[in-house]
Amino acid sequence: MLRMFELPFQRVTLTWDDCERATELCTFGFKKYDAFHIAAAERGKCDVFLTTDDRLIAKARKLGKKLAVTVLNPVDWILGSFK
């Protein structure tokens, strides 16, 4: 179980491409800061973006393959890791 918390750390500095992607994500209904976080997670090639924002998770689920990162609640991610 402790291995789950030995995750890699990477700082992603936003680029102009991220700003354009965030603008595109806003057209899908994401709030500005959520869109920037998702854009950074996508470029950082994250497997999962964790949030407790149920509305954000619901929007991400509706988009499906249009996002390059999976958006999950941390509890769901942890429980899914034990399956």
C-alpha atoms as a PDB file:
ATOM      1  CA  MET A   1       0.000   0.000   0.000  1.00  0.00           C
ATOM      2  CA  LEU A   2       2.824   2.442   0.730  1.00  0.00           C
ATOM      3  CA  ARG A   3       4.077   2.104  -2.855  1.00  0.00           C
ATOM      4  CA  MET A   4       0.958   3.973  -3.928  1.00  0.00           C
ATOM      5  CA  PHE A   5       2.372   7.075  -2.291  1.00  0.00           C
ATOM      6  CA  GLU A   6       5.797   6.793  -3.918  1.00  0.00           C
ATOM      7  CA  LEU A   7       4.608   8.668  -6.970  1.00  0.00           C
ATOM      8  CA  PRO A   8       6.915  10.562  -9.304  1.00  0.00           C
ATOM      9  CA  PHE A   9       6.952  14.329  -9.042  1.00  0.00           C
ATOM     10  CA  GLN A  10       7.227  16.594 -12.039  1.00  0.00           C
ATOM     11  CA  ARG A  11       6.703  20.341 -12.280  1.00  0.00           C
ATOM     12  CA  VAL A  12       4.950  21.425 -15.474  1.00  0.00           C
ATOM     13  CA  THR A  13       5.501  25.004 -16.563  1.00  0.00           C
ATOM     14  CA  LEU A  14       2.636  26.301 -18.660  1.00  0.00           C
ATOM     15  CA  THR A  15       3.316  27.112 -22.294  1.00  0.00           C
ATOM     16  CA  TRP A  16       1.352  28.929 -24.961  1.00  0.00           C
ATOM     17  CA  ASP A  17       0.091  25.538 -26.199  1.00  0.00           C
ATOM     18  CA  ASP A  18      -1.289  24.865 -22.719  1.00  0.00           C
ATOM     19  CA  CYS A  19      -3.096  28.214 -22.819  1.00  0.00           C
ATOM     20  CA  GLU A  20      -4.654  27.285 -26.151  1.00  0.00           C
ATOM     21  CA  ARG A  21      -5.659  23.862 -24.818  1.00  0.00           C
ATOM     22  CA  ALA A  22      -7.134  25.471 -21.687  1.00  0.00           C
ATOM     23  CA  THR A  23      -9.157  27.829 -23.894  1.00  0.00           C
ATOM     24  CA  GLU A  24     -10.451  24.814 -25.825  1.00  0.00           C
ATOM     25  CA  LEU A  25     -11.348  23.048 -22.574  1.00  0.00           C
ATOM     26  CA  CYS A  26     -13.281  26.133 -21.445  1.00  0.00           C
ATOM     27  CA  THR A  27     -15.487  25.775 -24.535  1.00  0.00           C
ATOM     28  CA  PHE A  28     -16.420  22.323 -23.177  1.00  0.00           C
ATOM     29  CA  GLY A  29     -17.646  23.954 -19.967  1.00  0.00           C
ATOM     30  CA  PHE A  30     -14.613  23.721 -17.684  1.00  0.00           C
ATOM     31  CA  LYS A  31     -13.812  26.655 -15.426  1.00  0.00           C
ATOM     32  CA  LYS A  32     -10.659  28.579 -16.348  1.00  0.00           C
ATOM     33  CA  TYR A  33      -8.381  27.281 -13.582  1.00  0.00           C
ATOM     34  CA  ASP A  34      -9.659  23.718 -13.936  1.00  0.00           C
ATOM     35  CA  ALA A  35      -8.922  23.916 -17.667  1.00  0.00           C
ATOM     36  CA  PHE A  36      -5.346  25.056 -17.002  1.00  0.00           C
ATOM     37  CA  HIS A  37      -4.797  22.245 -14.502  1.00  0.00           C
ATOM     38  CA  ILE A  38      -6.122  19.642 -16.925  1.00  0.00           C
ATOM     39  CA  ALA A  39      -4.028  21.059 -19.789  1.00  0.00           C
ATOM     40  CA  ALA A  40      -0.904  20.843 -17.635  1.00  0.00           C
ATOM     41  CA  ALA A  41      -1.761  17.288 -16.555  1.00  0.00           C
ATOM     42  CA  GLU A  42      -2.233  16.274 -20.188  1.00  0.00           C
ATOM     43  CA  ARG A  43       1.104  17.729 -21.280  1.00  0.00           C
ATOM     44  CA  GLY A  44       2.803  16.192 -18.257  1.00  0.00           C
ATOM     45  CA  LYS A  45       1.445  12.846 -19.472  1.00  0.00           C
ATOM     46  CA  CYS A  46      -0.255  12.152 -16.150  1.00  0.00           C
ATOM     47  CA  ASP A  47      -2.198   8.930 -15.914  1.00  0.00           C
ATOM     48  CA  VAL A  48      -4.800  10.465 -13.651  1.00  0.00           C
ATOM     49  CA  PHE A  49      -5.925  13.898 -12.457  1.00  0.00           C
ATOM     50  CA  LEU A  50      -7.302  13.717  -8.910  1.00  0.00           C
ATOM     51  CA  THR A  51      -9.994  16.085  -7.675  1.00  0.00           C
ATOM     52  CA  THR A  52     -12.856  16.142  -5.209  1.00  0.00           C
ATOM     53  CA  ASP A  53     -14.875  18.442  -7.486  1.00  0.00           C
ATOM     54  CA  ASP A  54     -17.844  16.287  -8.537  1.00  0.00           C
ATOM     55  CA  ARG A  55     -18.869  18.711 -11.301  1.00  0.00           C
ATOM     56  CA  LEU A  56     -15.394  18.609 -12.804  1.00  0.00           C
ATOM     57  CA  ILE A  57     -15.408  14.807 -12.704  1.00  0.00           C
ATOM     58  CA  ALA A  58     -18.845  14.687 -14.353  1.00  0.00           C
ATOM     59  CA  LYS A  59     -17.753  17.033 -17.168  1.00  0.00           C
ATOM     60  CA  ALA A  60     -14.631  14.977 -17.751  1.00  0.00           C
ATOM     61  CA  ARG A  61     -16.649  11.761 -17.942  1.00  0.00           C
ATOM     62  CA  LYS A  62     -18.941  13.298 -20.567  1.00  0.00           C
ATOM     63  CA  LEU A  63     -15.937  14.193 -22.725  1.00  0.00           C
ATOM     64  CA  GLY A  64     -14.425  10.733 -22.533  1.00  0.00           C
ATOM     65  CA  LYS A  65     -11.647  10.370 -25.127  1.00  0.00           C
ATOM     66  CA  LYS A  66     -11.457  14.140 -25.752  1.00  0.00           C
ATOM     67  CA  LEU A  67      -9.273  14.368 -22.639  1.00  0.00           C
ATOM     68  CA  ALA A  68      -5.795  12.851 -22.566  1.00  0.00           C
ATOM     69  CA  VAL A  69      -5.992  12.303 -18.796  1.00  0.00           C
ATOM     70  CA  THR A  70      -8.434  10.383 -16.600  1.00  0.00           C
ATOM     71  CA  VAL A  71     -10.176  12.548 -13.989  1.00  0.00           C
ATOM     72  CA  LEU A  72     -11.075  10.756 -10.755  1.00  0.00           C
ATOM     73  CA  ASN A  73     -11.974  11.324  -7.136  1.00  0.00           C
ATOM     74  CA  PRO A  74      -8.978  10.345  -4.938  1.00  0.00           C
ATOM     75  CA  VAL A  75     -11.073   7.820  -3.013  1.00  0.00           C
ATOM     76  CA  ASP A  76     -12.194   6.118  -6.235  1.00  0.00           C
ATOM     77  CA  TRP A  77      -8.581   6.051  -7.430  1.00  0.00           C
ATOM     78  CA  ILE A  78      -7.352   4.454  -4.202  1.00  0.00           C
ATOM     79  CA  LEU A  79     -10.162   1.884  -4.139  1.00  0.00           C
ATOM     80  CA  GLY A  80      -9.575   1.090  -7.812  1.00  0.00           C
ATOM     81  CA  SER A  81      -5.882   0.490  -7.112  1.00  0.00           C
ATOM     82  CA  PHE A  82      -6.745  -2.501  -4.909  1.00  0.00           C
ATOM     83  CA  LYS A  83      -8.768  -4.327  -7.551  1.00  0.00           C
END
